[in-house]
């Protein structure tokens, strides 16, 4: 899973309001070169969208904004292949580890990273990346926590993604700029494909 995400470089973070747009969104991302998405549970359509995207061949679907063990069970049943959380919930992390579900919990401090070490995690989400110090913060964390790698998310865009990916501690970056909710709702899938291609080119 980690190698696959590293090869993809970008994980589109999606808040979808109508699950009927799921298949069109997947095709737009695939056409743009990214057969992956982290669909968040921020909307009522999130869980249904995950279930639909899980049925698409060769499309890697993850679930974001997972807050609890209940959420984790639901997205696993829906077919999610990995779980991403905004913060570090020990119960959710433990459930995922016990059930062979890859999880990338959100961290924002050395204390969070100590918890990650306690659970034997190798990769965590660095969130909200730009707000908590961005690249300088990641470089500072690399020293004492050299065994952990990061998926920075929050404030990542085409202007700064190459700088993040240049860090050896970064596996991939999460970003929503190529899959904004209003673009999905209005059916601008050709534009999503175009922005996705440009996002990859910026890497």
N, C-alpha and C. Protein backbone atom coordinates (compact mmCIF):
# COMPACT_ATOMS: atom_id res chain seq x y z
N UNK A 1 0.83 -1.21 0.00
CA UNK A 1 0.00 0.00 0.00
C UNK A 1 0.87 1.27 0.00
N UNK A 2 1.88 1.28 0.86
CA UNK A 2 2.75 2.45 0.95
C UNK A 2 3.50 2.67 -0.36
N UNK A 3 3.99 1.59 -0.95
CA UNK A 3 4.70 1.71 -2.23
C UNK A 3 3.76 2.21 -3.33
N UNK A 4 2.52 1.76 -3.29
CA UNK A 4 1.55 2.18 -4.30
C UNK A 4 1.25 3.67 -4.17
N UNK A 5 1.06 4.14 -2.95
CA UNK A 5 0.80 5.55 -2.72
C UNK A 5 2.01 6.40 -3.09
N UNK A 6 3.19 5.88 -2.80
CA UNK A 6 4.41 6.62 -3.14
C UNK A 6 4.54 6.78 -4.65
N UNK A 7 4.14 5.75 -5.40
CA UNK A 7 4.20 5.82 -6.86
C UNK A 7 3.16 6.80 -7.40
N UNK A 8 2.01 6.89 -6.76
CA UNK A 8 0.95 7.80 -7.20
C UNK A 8 1.29 9.26 -6.91
N UNK A 9 1.98 9.52 -5.79
CA UNK A 9 2.44 10.85 -5.37
C UNK A 9 1.35 11.74 -4.79
N UNK A 10 0.15 11.70 -5.37
CA UNK A 10 -0.94 12.57 -4.90
C UNK A 10 -2.15 11.72 -4.56
N UNK A 11 -2.79 12.03 -3.43
CA UNK A 11 -4.04 11.39 -3.06
C UNK A 11 -5.13 12.46 -3.10
N UNK A 12 -6.00 12.45 -4.10
CA UNK A 12 -7.08 13.44 -4.14
C UNK A 12 -8.03 13.23 -2.95
N UNK A 13 -8.27 14.30 -2.21
CA UNK A 13 -9.16 14.24 -1.05
C UNK A 13 -10.51 14.81 -1.47
N UNK A 14 -11.54 13.96 -1.40
CA UNK A 14 -12.83 14.28 -2.02
C UNK A 14 -13.94 14.38 -0.99
N UNK A 15 -14.69 15.47 -1.05
CA UNK A 15 -15.95 15.59 -0.31
C UNK A 15 -17.06 15.62 -1.35
N UNK A 16 -17.77 14.50 -1.50
CA UNK A 16 -18.76 14.37 -2.56
C UNK A 16 -20.17 14.44 -1.97
N UNK A 17 -21.03 15.21 -2.62
CA UNK A 17 -22.38 15.44 -2.10
C UNK A 17 -23.45 14.60 -2.78
N UNK A 18 -23.08 13.96 -3.89
CA UNK A 18 -24.03 13.12 -4.62
C UNK A 18 -23.28 11.89 -5.11
N UNK A 19 -23.61 10.74 -4.53
CA UNK A 19 -22.90 9.51 -4.88
C UNK A 19 -23.06 9.13 -6.34
N UNK A 20 -24.08 9.67 -7.01
CA UNK A 20 -24.27 9.38 -8.44
C UNK A 20 -23.12 9.92 -9.28
N UNK A 21 -22.33 10.83 -8.72
CA UNK A 21 -21.19 11.38 -9.45
C UNK A 21 -19.92 10.53 -9.28
N UNK A 22 -20.01 9.48 -8.49
CA UNK A 22 -18.81 8.71 -8.14
C UNK A 22 -18.09 8.14 -9.35
N UNK A 23 -18.81 7.46 -10.21
CA UNK A 23 -18.18 6.81 -11.35
C UNK A 23 -17.56 7.82 -12.31
N UNK A 24 -18.26 8.93 -12.53
CA UNK A 24 -17.72 9.97 -13.43
C UNK A 24 -16.46 10.58 -12.84
N UNK A 25 -16.46 10.76 -11.52
CA UNK A 25 -15.28 11.30 -10.86
C UNK A 25 -14.10 10.35 -11.01
N UNK A 26 -14.34 9.06 -10.79
CA UNK A 26 -13.27 8.08 -10.92
C UNK A 26 -12.68 8.10 -12.33
N UNK A 27 -13.54 8.13 -13.34
CA UNK A 27 -13.06 8.14 -14.72
C UNK A 27 -12.25 9.41 -15.02
N UNK A 28 -12.69 10.52 -14.44
CA UNK A 28 -11.96 11.79 -14.64
C UNK A 28 -10.57 11.71 -14.02
N UNK A 29 -10.48 11.14 -12.84
CA UNK A 29 -9.19 11.02 -12.17
C UNK A 29 -8.29 10.02 -12.90
N UNK A 30 -8.86 8.91 -13.33
CA UNK A 30 -8.09 7.92 -14.07
C UNK A 30 -7.54 8.52 -15.36
N UNK A 31 -8.38 9.29 -16.06
CA UNK A 31 -7.95 9.95 -17.30
C UNK A 31 -6.83 10.94 -17.03
N UNK A 32 -6.83 11.51 -15.83
CA UNK A 32 -5.80 12.47 -15.46
C UNK A 32 -4.53 11.82 -14.94
N UNK A 33 -4.58 10.50 -14.71
CA UNK A 33 -3.39 9.78 -14.28
C UNK A 33 -3.38 9.38 -12.82
N UNK A 34 -4.49 9.58 -12.11
CA UNK A 34 -4.56 9.24 -10.70
C UNK A 34 -5.74 8.30 -10.42
N UNK A 35 -5.46 7.03 -10.33
CA UNK A 35 -6.52 6.05 -10.05
C UNK A 35 -6.64 5.83 -8.55
N UNK A 36 -6.90 6.91 -7.84
CA UNK A 36 -6.97 6.86 -6.38
C UNK A 36 -7.80 8.03 -5.87
N UNK A 37 -8.45 7.83 -4.73
CA UNK A 37 -9.15 8.94 -4.07
C UNK A 37 -9.35 8.58 -2.60
N UNK A 38 -9.28 9.61 -1.78
CA UNK A 38 -9.67 9.50 -0.38
C UNK A 38 -11.01 10.23 -0.25
N UNK A 39 -12.08 9.46 -0.14
CA UNK A 39 -13.41 10.06 -0.01
C UNK A 39 -13.70 10.25 1.47
N UNK A 40 -13.99 11.47 1.84
CA UNK A 40 -14.21 11.78 3.25
C UNK A 40 -15.64 11.49 3.67
N UNK A 41 -15.81 11.32 4.96
CA UNK A 41 -17.15 11.12 5.53
C UNK A 41 -17.75 12.44 5.99
N UNK A 42 -17.33 13.53 5.38
CA UNK A 42 -17.86 14.85 5.75
C UNK A 42 -19.26 15.08 5.20
N UNK A 43 -19.66 14.26 4.24
CA UNK A 43 -20.99 14.42 3.64
C UNK A 43 -21.78 13.14 3.81
N UNK A 44 -23.09 13.25 3.68
CA UNK A 44 -23.96 12.08 3.81
C UNK A 44 -23.73 11.07 2.68
N UNK A 45 -23.23 11.56 1.56
CA UNK A 45 -23.02 10.68 0.40
C UNK A 45 -21.69 9.95 0.46
N UNK A 46 -20.85 10.29 1.42
CA UNK A 46 -19.50 9.74 1.46
C UNK A 46 -19.43 8.22 1.48
N UNK A 47 -20.19 7.61 2.35
CA UNK A 47 -20.14 6.16 2.49
C UNK A 47 -20.63 5.45 1.23
N UNK A 48 -21.70 5.94 0.65
CA UNK A 48 -22.22 5.36 -0.59
C UNK A 48 -21.21 5.53 -1.72
N UNK A 49 -20.58 6.69 -1.76
CA UNK A 49 -19.58 6.93 -2.81
C UNK A 49 -18.41 5.96 -2.68
N UNK A 50 -17.98 5.71 -1.45
CA UNK A 50 -16.89 4.75 -1.23
C UNK A 50 -17.28 3.38 -1.75
N UNK A 51 -18.50 2.96 -1.45
CA UNK A 51 -18.98 1.65 -1.90
C UNK A 51 -18.99 1.56 -3.42
N UNK A 52 -19.40 2.62 -4.08
CA UNK A 52 -19.44 2.60 -5.55
C UNK A 52 -18.04 2.60 -6.15
N UNK A 53 -17.16 3.42 -5.58
CA UNK A 53 -15.80 3.50 -6.12
C UNK A 53 -15.02 2.22 -5.86
N UNK A 54 -15.36 1.50 -4.80
CA UNK A 54 -14.68 0.25 -4.48
C UNK A 54 -14.93 -0.82 -5.54
N UNK A 55 -15.97 -0.66 -6.32
CA UNK A 55 -16.32 -1.64 -7.35
C UNK A 55 -15.62 -1.38 -8.69
N UNK A 56 -14.91 -0.26 -8.78
CA UNK A 56 -14.24 0.09 -10.04
C UNK A 56 -12.88 -0.58 -10.09
N UNK A 57 -12.63 -1.34 -11.13
CA UNK A 57 -11.37 -2.08 -11.27
C UNK A 57 -10.17 -1.15 -11.27
N UNK A 58 -9.15 -1.57 -10.55
CA UNK A 58 -7.86 -0.86 -10.54
C UNK A 58 -7.96 0.58 -10.02
N UNK A 59 -8.97 0.83 -9.19
CA UNK A 59 -9.10 2.15 -8.57
C UNK A 59 -8.92 1.97 -7.07
N UNK A 60 -7.96 2.70 -6.51
CA UNK A 60 -7.65 2.58 -5.09
C UNK A 60 -8.48 3.57 -4.30
N UNK A 61 -9.39 3.05 -3.49
CA UNK A 61 -10.29 3.92 -2.75
C UNK A 61 -10.00 3.85 -1.24
N UNK A 62 -9.82 5.03 -0.66
CA UNK A 62 -9.62 5.14 0.77
C UNK A 62 -10.73 5.98 1.39
N UNK A 63 -10.83 5.93 2.70
CA UNK A 63 -11.84 6.69 3.43
C UNK A 63 -11.18 7.68 4.35
N UNK A 64 -11.64 8.93 4.29
CA UNK A 64 -11.09 9.98 5.14
C UNK A 64 -12.10 10.50 6.14
N UNK A 65 -11.63 11.32 7.06
CA UNK A 65 -12.46 11.88 8.13
C UNK A 65 -13.15 10.76 8.92
N UNK A 66 -12.38 9.72 9.20
CA UNK A 66 -12.86 8.60 10.00
C UNK A 66 -12.57 8.93 11.47
N UNK A 67 -13.63 9.04 12.27
CA UNK A 67 -13.49 9.51 13.65
C UNK A 67 -13.59 8.42 14.71
N UNK A 68 -14.03 7.22 14.35
CA UNK A 68 -14.34 6.22 15.37
C UNK A 68 -14.21 4.81 14.82
N UNK A 69 -14.27 3.84 15.73
CA UNK A 69 -14.27 2.45 15.32
C UNK A 69 -15.50 2.15 14.47
N UNK A 70 -16.63 2.74 14.84
CA UNK A 70 -17.85 2.55 14.05
C UNK A 70 -17.65 3.02 12.61
N UNK A 71 -17.07 4.20 12.45
CA UNK A 71 -16.77 4.72 11.11
C UNK A 71 -15.85 3.75 10.36
N UNK A 72 -14.81 3.28 11.05
CA UNK A 72 -13.84 2.39 10.41
C UNK A 72 -14.50 1.10 9.94
N UNK A 73 -15.39 0.55 10.77
CA UNK A 73 -16.11 -0.67 10.38
C UNK A 73 -16.98 -0.42 9.15
N UNK A 74 -17.65 0.73 9.13
CA UNK A 74 -18.55 1.03 8.01
C UNK A 74 -17.79 1.19 6.71
N UNK A 75 -16.66 1.89 6.73
CA UNK A 75 -15.91 2.09 5.48
C UNK A 75 -15.25 0.80 5.04
N UNK A 76 -14.85 -0.03 5.99
CA UNK A 76 -14.29 -1.34 5.63
C UNK A 76 -15.34 -2.19 4.95
N UNK A 77 -16.55 -2.19 5.50
CA UNK A 77 -17.65 -2.95 4.90
C UNK A 77 -18.01 -2.41 3.52
N UNK A 78 -17.81 -1.10 3.33
CA UNK A 78 -18.13 -0.48 2.04
C UNK A 78 -17.07 -0.78 0.98
N UNK A 79 -15.90 -1.25 1.41
CA UNK A 79 -14.86 -1.62 0.46
C UNK A 79 -13.63 -0.74 0.44
N UNK A 80 -13.52 0.18 1.40
CA UNK A 80 -12.33 1.04 1.45
C UNK A 80 -11.08 0.19 1.64
N UNK A 81 -9.98 0.60 1.01
CA UNK A 81 -8.72 -0.13 1.09
C UNK A 81 -7.75 0.48 2.09
N UNK A 82 -8.03 1.71 2.51
CA UNK A 82 -7.23 2.32 3.56
C UNK A 82 -8.05 3.38 4.27
N UNK A 83 -7.64 3.72 5.49
CA UNK A 83 -8.35 4.67 6.33
C UNK A 83 -7.42 5.83 6.68
N UNK A 84 -7.98 7.05 6.63
CA UNK A 84 -7.24 8.24 7.01
C UNK A 84 -8.06 8.98 8.07
N UNK A 85 -7.41 9.40 9.15
CA UNK A 85 -8.12 10.11 10.21
C UNK A 85 -7.51 11.49 10.40
N UNK A 86 -8.32 12.47 10.83
CA UNK A 86 -7.78 13.82 11.05
C UNK A 86 -6.82 13.90 12.22
N UNK A 87 -7.10 13.10 13.27
CA UNK A 87 -6.26 13.08 14.45
C UNK A 87 -5.94 11.65 14.84
N UNK A 88 -5.37 11.49 16.03
CA UNK A 88 -4.92 10.16 16.46
C UNK A 88 -5.89 9.61 17.50
N UNK A 89 -6.75 8.70 17.07
CA UNK A 89 -7.69 8.03 17.97
C UNK A 89 -7.17 6.62 18.22
N UNK A 90 -6.64 6.33 19.41
CA UNK A 90 -6.04 5.02 19.67
C UNK A 90 -6.98 3.84 19.41
N UNK A 91 -8.25 3.98 19.74
CA UNK A 91 -9.19 2.88 19.54
C UNK A 91 -9.38 2.58 18.05
N UNK A 92 -9.49 3.65 17.25
CA UNK A 92 -9.65 3.46 15.81
C UNK A 92 -8.39 2.85 15.21
N UNK A 93 -7.23 3.35 15.62
CA UNK A 93 -5.96 2.80 15.13
C UNK A 93 -5.86 1.32 15.47
N UNK A 94 -6.17 0.96 16.70
CA UNK A 94 -6.06 -0.43 17.12
C UNK A 94 -7.01 -1.33 16.34
N UNK A 95 -8.24 -0.86 16.11
CA UNK A 95 -9.19 -1.67 15.35
C UNK A 95 -8.67 -1.93 13.94
N UNK A 96 -8.14 -0.90 13.32
CA UNK A 96 -7.62 -1.06 11.95
C UNK A 96 -6.45 -2.03 11.93
N UNK A 97 -5.55 -1.92 12.89
CA UNK A 97 -4.41 -2.84 12.95
C UNK A 97 -4.88 -4.27 13.18
N UNK A 98 -5.85 -4.43 14.04
CA UNK A 98 -6.38 -5.77 14.34
C UNK A 98 -7.09 -6.40 13.15
N UNK A 99 -7.58 -5.55 12.25
CA UNK A 99 -8.36 -6.04 11.10
C UNK A 99 -7.64 -5.86 9.76
N UNK A 100 -6.32 -5.69 9.84
CA UNK A 100 -5.48 -5.60 8.63
C UNK A 100 -5.95 -4.50 7.68
N UNK A 101 -6.42 -3.40 8.26
CA UNK A 101 -6.81 -2.24 7.47
C UNK A 101 -5.72 -1.18 7.57
N UNK A 102 -5.03 -0.85 6.47
CA UNK A 102 -4.02 0.20 6.54
C UNK A 102 -4.64 1.51 7.04
N UNK A 103 -4.00 2.14 8.00
CA UNK A 103 -4.51 3.39 8.56
C UNK A 103 -3.39 4.41 8.64
N UNK A 104 -3.75 5.65 8.26
CA UNK A 104 -2.81 6.76 8.33
C UNK A 104 -3.44 7.83 9.21
N UNK A 105 -3.20 7.76 10.52
CA UNK A 105 -3.83 8.71 11.43
C UNK A 105 -3.16 10.08 11.36
N UNK A 106 -3.94 11.12 11.61
CA UNK A 106 -3.41 12.47 11.57
C UNK A 106 -2.56 12.77 12.79
N UNK A 107 -1.43 13.42 12.55
CA UNK A 107 -0.56 13.87 13.65
C UNK A 107 -0.21 15.33 13.43
N UNK A 108 0.04 16.02 14.52
CA UNK A 108 0.43 17.43 14.41
C UNK A 108 1.50 17.82 15.43
N UNK A 109 2.04 16.83 16.14
CA UNK A 109 3.01 17.15 17.20
C UNK A 109 3.89 15.95 17.51
N UNK A 110 5.02 16.18 18.20
CA UNK A 110 5.85 15.06 18.65
C UNK A 110 5.09 14.09 19.55
N UNK A 111 4.17 14.59 20.36
CA UNK A 111 3.39 13.70 21.22
C UNK A 111 2.58 12.71 20.39
N UNK A 112 1.97 13.21 19.32
CA UNK A 112 1.23 12.32 18.41
C UNK A 112 2.16 11.26 17.81
N UNK A 113 3.38 11.67 17.48
CA UNK A 113 4.32 10.74 16.87
C UNK A 113 4.79 9.69 17.87
N UNK A 114 4.87 10.06 19.14
CA UNK A 114 5.20 9.07 20.16
C UNK A 114 4.11 7.99 20.20
N UNK A 115 2.86 8.40 20.05
CA UNK A 115 1.76 7.44 20.01
C UNK A 115 1.87 6.55 18.78
N UNK A 116 2.23 7.15 17.66
CA UNK A 116 2.39 6.37 16.42
C UNK A 116 3.47 5.31 16.60
N UNK A 117 4.57 5.68 17.25
CA UNK A 117 5.63 4.71 17.50
C UNK A 117 5.13 3.58 18.40
N UNK A 118 4.33 3.94 19.39
CA UNK A 118 3.80 2.95 20.33
C UNK A 118 2.97 1.89 19.60
N UNK A 119 2.28 2.31 18.53
CA UNK A 119 1.44 1.40 17.76
C UNK A 119 2.20 0.75 16.60
N UNK A 120 3.46 1.09 16.45
CA UNK A 120 4.27 0.49 15.40
C UNK A 120 3.96 0.98 14.00
N UNK A 121 3.42 2.21 13.89
CA UNK A 121 3.05 2.75 12.59
C UNK A 121 4.29 3.29 11.86
N UNK A 122 4.30 3.12 10.55
CA UNK A 122 5.41 3.59 9.73
C UNK A 122 5.07 4.86 8.96
N UNK A 123 3.77 5.08 8.69
CA UNK A 123 3.34 6.25 7.92
C UNK A 123 2.15 6.89 8.61
N UNK A 124 2.18 8.22 8.71
CA UNK A 124 1.08 8.96 9.31
C UNK A 124 0.72 10.15 8.42
N UNK A 125 -0.46 10.69 8.66
CA UNK A 125 -0.89 11.90 7.97
C UNK A 125 -0.37 13.11 8.75
N UNK A 126 0.20 14.07 8.06
CA UNK A 126 0.67 15.32 8.68
C UNK A 126 -0.36 16.38 8.38
N UNK A 127 -1.15 16.75 9.40
CA UNK A 127 -2.33 17.58 9.16
C UNK A 127 -2.60 18.53 10.31
N UNK A 128 -3.05 19.78 9.99
CA UNK A 128 -3.11 20.42 8.66
C UNK A 128 -1.75 21.00 8.29
N UNK A 129 -1.14 20.45 7.29
CA UNK A 129 0.28 20.64 6.98
C UNK A 129 0.76 22.09 7.01
N UNK A 130 0.18 22.92 6.17
CA UNK A 130 0.67 24.29 6.07
C UNK A 130 0.42 25.09 7.36
N UNK A 131 -0.67 24.81 8.03
CA UNK A 131 -1.04 25.55 9.24
C UNK A 131 -0.13 25.24 10.42
N UNK A 132 0.46 24.04 10.43
CA UNK A 132 1.26 23.66 11.59
C UNK A 132 2.77 23.69 11.30
N UNK A 133 3.15 24.43 10.28
CA UNK A 133 4.57 24.65 10.04
C UNK A 133 5.11 24.14 8.73
N UNK A 134 4.30 23.37 8.00
CA UNK A 134 4.70 22.96 6.66
C UNK A 134 6.03 22.23 6.59
N UNK A 135 6.78 22.53 5.56
CA UNK A 135 8.05 21.86 5.30
C UNK A 135 9.06 22.06 6.42
N UNK A 136 9.24 23.27 6.98
CA UNK A 136 10.17 23.41 8.10
C UNK A 136 9.83 22.50 9.28
N UNK A 137 8.54 22.36 9.57
CA UNK A 137 8.12 21.48 10.67
C UNK A 137 8.44 20.02 10.35
N UNK A 138 8.18 19.61 9.12
CA UNK A 138 8.49 18.23 8.73
C UNK A 138 9.99 17.95 8.84
N UNK A 139 10.81 18.91 8.42
CA UNK A 139 12.26 18.74 8.51
C UNK A 139 12.69 18.62 9.97
N UNK A 140 12.04 19.39 10.84
CA UNK A 140 12.37 19.33 12.26
C UNK A 140 12.01 17.98 12.86
N UNK A 141 10.91 17.40 12.38
CA UNK A 141 10.46 16.11 12.91
C UNK A 141 11.28 14.94 12.38
N UNK A 142 11.90 15.13 11.23
CA UNK A 142 12.67 14.05 10.62
C UNK A 142 13.79 13.56 11.52
N UNK A 143 14.40 14.48 12.27
CA UNK A 143 15.53 14.11 13.12
C UNK A 143 15.18 13.08 14.17
N UNK A 144 14.33 13.45 15.14
CA UNK A 144 14.00 12.50 16.21
C UNK A 144 13.06 11.39 15.80
N UNK A 145 12.39 11.54 14.66
CA UNK A 145 11.43 10.52 14.22
C UNK A 145 11.76 10.04 12.81
N UNK A 146 13.01 9.70 12.61
CA UNK A 146 13.48 9.30 11.28
C UNK A 146 12.85 8.03 10.75
N UNK A 147 12.25 7.23 11.62
CA UNK A 147 11.66 5.98 11.18
C UNK A 147 10.22 6.10 10.71
N UNK A 148 9.66 7.31 10.83
CA UNK A 148 8.27 7.52 10.42
C UNK A 148 8.23 8.40 9.17
N UNK A 149 7.31 8.08 8.27
CA UNK A 149 7.14 8.88 7.06
C UNK A 149 5.74 9.51 7.07
N UNK A 150 5.55 10.48 6.19
CA UNK A 150 4.38 11.34 6.29
C UNK A 150 3.60 11.47 4.98
N UNK A 151 2.29 11.71 5.14
CA UNK A 151 1.42 12.12 4.04
C UNK A 151 0.88 13.51 4.39
N UNK A 152 1.59 14.56 3.99
CA UNK A 152 1.12 15.92 4.31
C UNK A 152 -0.19 16.22 3.60
N UNK A 153 -1.12 16.81 4.32
CA UNK A 153 -2.43 17.18 3.78
C UNK A 153 -2.88 18.45 4.47
N UNK A 154 -3.48 19.34 3.67
CA UNK A 154 -3.95 20.61 4.23
C UNK A 154 -3.08 21.76 3.74
N UNK A 155 -3.59 22.47 2.74
CA UNK A 155 -2.83 23.59 2.18
C UNK A 155 -1.87 23.18 1.08
N UNK A 156 -1.90 21.91 0.67
CA UNK A 156 -1.03 21.46 -0.42
C UNK A 156 -1.67 21.88 -1.75
N UNK A 157 -0.83 22.36 -2.67
CA UNK A 157 -1.32 22.79 -3.98
C UNK A 157 -0.23 22.61 -5.02
N UNK A 158 -0.54 23.01 -6.25
CA UNK A 158 0.42 22.80 -7.33
C UNK A 158 1.69 23.62 -7.17
N UNK A 159 1.64 24.67 -6.35
CA UNK A 159 2.82 25.51 -6.15
C UNK A 159 3.81 24.93 -5.13
N UNK A 160 3.32 24.15 -4.19
CA UNK A 160 4.23 23.66 -3.15
C UNK A 160 4.40 22.15 -3.10
N UNK A 161 3.63 21.41 -3.90
CA UNK A 161 3.67 19.95 -3.77
C UNK A 161 5.04 19.37 -4.11
N UNK A 162 5.73 19.92 -5.10
CA UNK A 162 7.05 19.39 -5.47
C UNK A 162 8.03 19.53 -4.31
N UNK A 163 7.94 20.63 -3.57
CA UNK A 163 8.83 20.84 -2.43
C UNK A 163 8.57 19.82 -1.33
N UNK A 164 7.29 19.50 -1.11
CA UNK A 164 6.96 18.48 -0.12
C UNK A 164 7.47 17.11 -0.56
N UNK A 165 7.20 16.76 -1.81
CA UNK A 165 7.58 15.43 -2.30
C UNK A 165 9.10 15.26 -2.38
N UNK A 166 9.83 16.37 -2.39
CA UNK A 166 11.29 16.28 -2.43
C UNK A 166 11.87 15.80 -1.09
N UNK A 167 11.08 15.87 -0.03
CA UNK A 167 11.55 15.42 1.27
C UNK A 167 11.52 13.89 1.33
N UNK A 168 12.60 13.26 1.76
CA UNK A 168 12.63 11.79 1.82
C UNK A 168 11.61 11.21 2.79
N UNK A 169 11.16 12.02 3.73
CA UNK A 169 10.19 11.52 4.72
C UNK A 169 8.76 11.55 4.21
N UNK A 170 8.53 12.13 3.03
CA UNK A 170 7.17 12.25 2.49
C UNK A 170 6.88 11.11 1.52
N UNK A 171 5.79 10.39 1.79
CA UNK A 171 5.37 9.29 0.92
C UNK A 171 4.57 9.82 -0.27
N UNK A 172 3.57 10.64 0.04
CA UNK A 172 2.68 11.24 -0.95
C UNK A 172 2.01 12.43 -0.28
N UNK A 173 1.29 13.21 -1.06
CA UNK A 173 0.57 14.36 -0.50
C UNK A 173 -0.92 14.24 -0.77
N UNK A 174 -1.71 14.62 0.22
CA UNK A 174 -3.15 14.68 0.03
C UNK A 174 -3.54 16.07 -0.40
N UNK A 175 -4.48 16.17 -1.33
CA UNK A 175 -4.89 17.49 -1.80
C UNK A 175 -6.28 17.46 -2.39
N UNK A 176 -6.96 18.58 -2.27
CA UNK A 176 -8.33 18.67 -2.78
C UNK A 176 -8.48 19.67 -3.92
N UNK A 177 -7.37 20.33 -4.30
CA UNK A 177 -7.52 21.41 -5.27
C UNK A 177 -7.95 20.93 -6.65
N UNK A 178 -7.68 19.66 -6.98
CA UNK A 178 -8.09 19.17 -8.31
C UNK A 178 -9.47 18.53 -8.30
N UNK A 179 -10.08 18.39 -7.10
CA UNK A 179 -11.39 17.74 -6.99
C UNK A 179 -12.32 18.53 -6.06
N UNK A 180 -12.41 19.81 -6.28
CA UNK A 180 -13.26 20.64 -5.43
C UNK A 180 -14.73 20.21 -5.56
N UNK A 181 -15.43 20.29 -4.44
CA UNK A 181 -16.81 19.79 -4.39
C UNK A 181 -17.71 20.46 -5.43
N UNK A 182 -17.54 21.77 -5.64
CA UNK A 182 -18.41 22.46 -6.59
C UNK A 182 -18.14 22.00 -8.02
N UNK A 183 -16.91 21.61 -8.32
CA UNK A 183 -16.59 21.10 -9.65
C UNK A 183 -17.26 19.75 -9.88
N UNK A 184 -17.28 18.92 -8.83
CA UNK A 184 -17.94 17.62 -8.94
C UNK A 184 -19.45 17.81 -9.10
N UNK A 185 -20.02 18.67 -8.25
CA UNK A 185 -21.48 18.88 -8.27
C UNK A 185 -21.97 19.44 -9.59
N UNK A 186 -21.13 20.27 -10.23
CA UNK A 186 -21.53 20.89 -11.49
C UNK A 186 -21.10 20.08 -12.71
N UNK A 187 -20.51 18.91 -12.48
CA UNK A 187 -20.17 18.03 -13.58
C UNK A 187 -18.98 18.46 -14.42
N UNK A 188 -18.05 19.19 -13.82
CA UNK A 188 -16.88 19.67 -14.56
C UNK A 188 -15.78 18.61 -14.56
N UNK A 189 -16.10 17.44 -15.08
CA UNK A 189 -15.16 16.32 -15.00
C UNK A 189 -13.99 16.46 -15.96
N UNK A 190 -14.21 17.10 -17.11
CA UNK A 190 -13.09 17.36 -18.02
C UNK A 190 -12.08 18.29 -17.36
N UNK A 191 -12.59 19.26 -16.61
CA UNK A 191 -11.69 20.18 -15.91
C UNK A 191 -10.93 19.46 -14.81
N UNK A 192 -11.59 18.53 -14.12
CA UNK A 192 -10.92 17.75 -13.09
C UNK A 192 -9.78 16.94 -13.71
N UNK A 193 -10.02 16.35 -14.87
CA UNK A 193 -8.98 15.61 -15.57
C UNK A 193 -7.81 16.51 -15.91
N UNK A 194 -8.11 17.69 -16.42
CA UNK A 194 -7.06 18.64 -16.82
C UNK A 194 -6.24 19.09 -15.61
N UNK A 195 -6.91 19.42 -14.52
CA UNK A 195 -6.20 19.87 -13.32
C UNK A 195 -5.37 18.74 -12.72
N UNK A 196 -5.89 17.52 -12.80
CA UNK A 196 -5.15 16.38 -12.29
C UNK A 196 -3.87 16.15 -13.08
N UNK A 197 -3.96 16.26 -14.40
CA UNK A 197 -2.75 16.13 -15.23
C UNK A 197 -1.72 17.19 -14.87
N UNK A 198 -2.19 18.43 -14.67
CA UNK A 198 -1.28 19.53 -14.30
C UNK A 198 -0.68 19.31 -12.92
N UNK A 199 -1.48 18.74 -12.00
CA UNK A 199 -0.99 18.46 -10.66
C UNK A 199 0.15 17.45 -10.71
N UNK A 200 -0.01 16.40 -11.49
CA UNK A 200 1.05 15.42 -11.62
C UNK A 200 2.28 16.00 -12.30
N UNK A 201 2.04 16.87 -13.27
CA UNK A 201 3.17 17.51 -13.96
C UNK A 201 3.97 18.39 -13.01
N UNK A 202 3.29 18.95 -12.00
CA UNK A 202 3.96 19.83 -11.03
C UNK A 202 4.84 19.05 -10.06
N UNK A 203 4.63 17.74 -10.03
CA UNK A 203 5.43 16.91 -9.11
C UNK A 203 6.83 16.68 -9.65
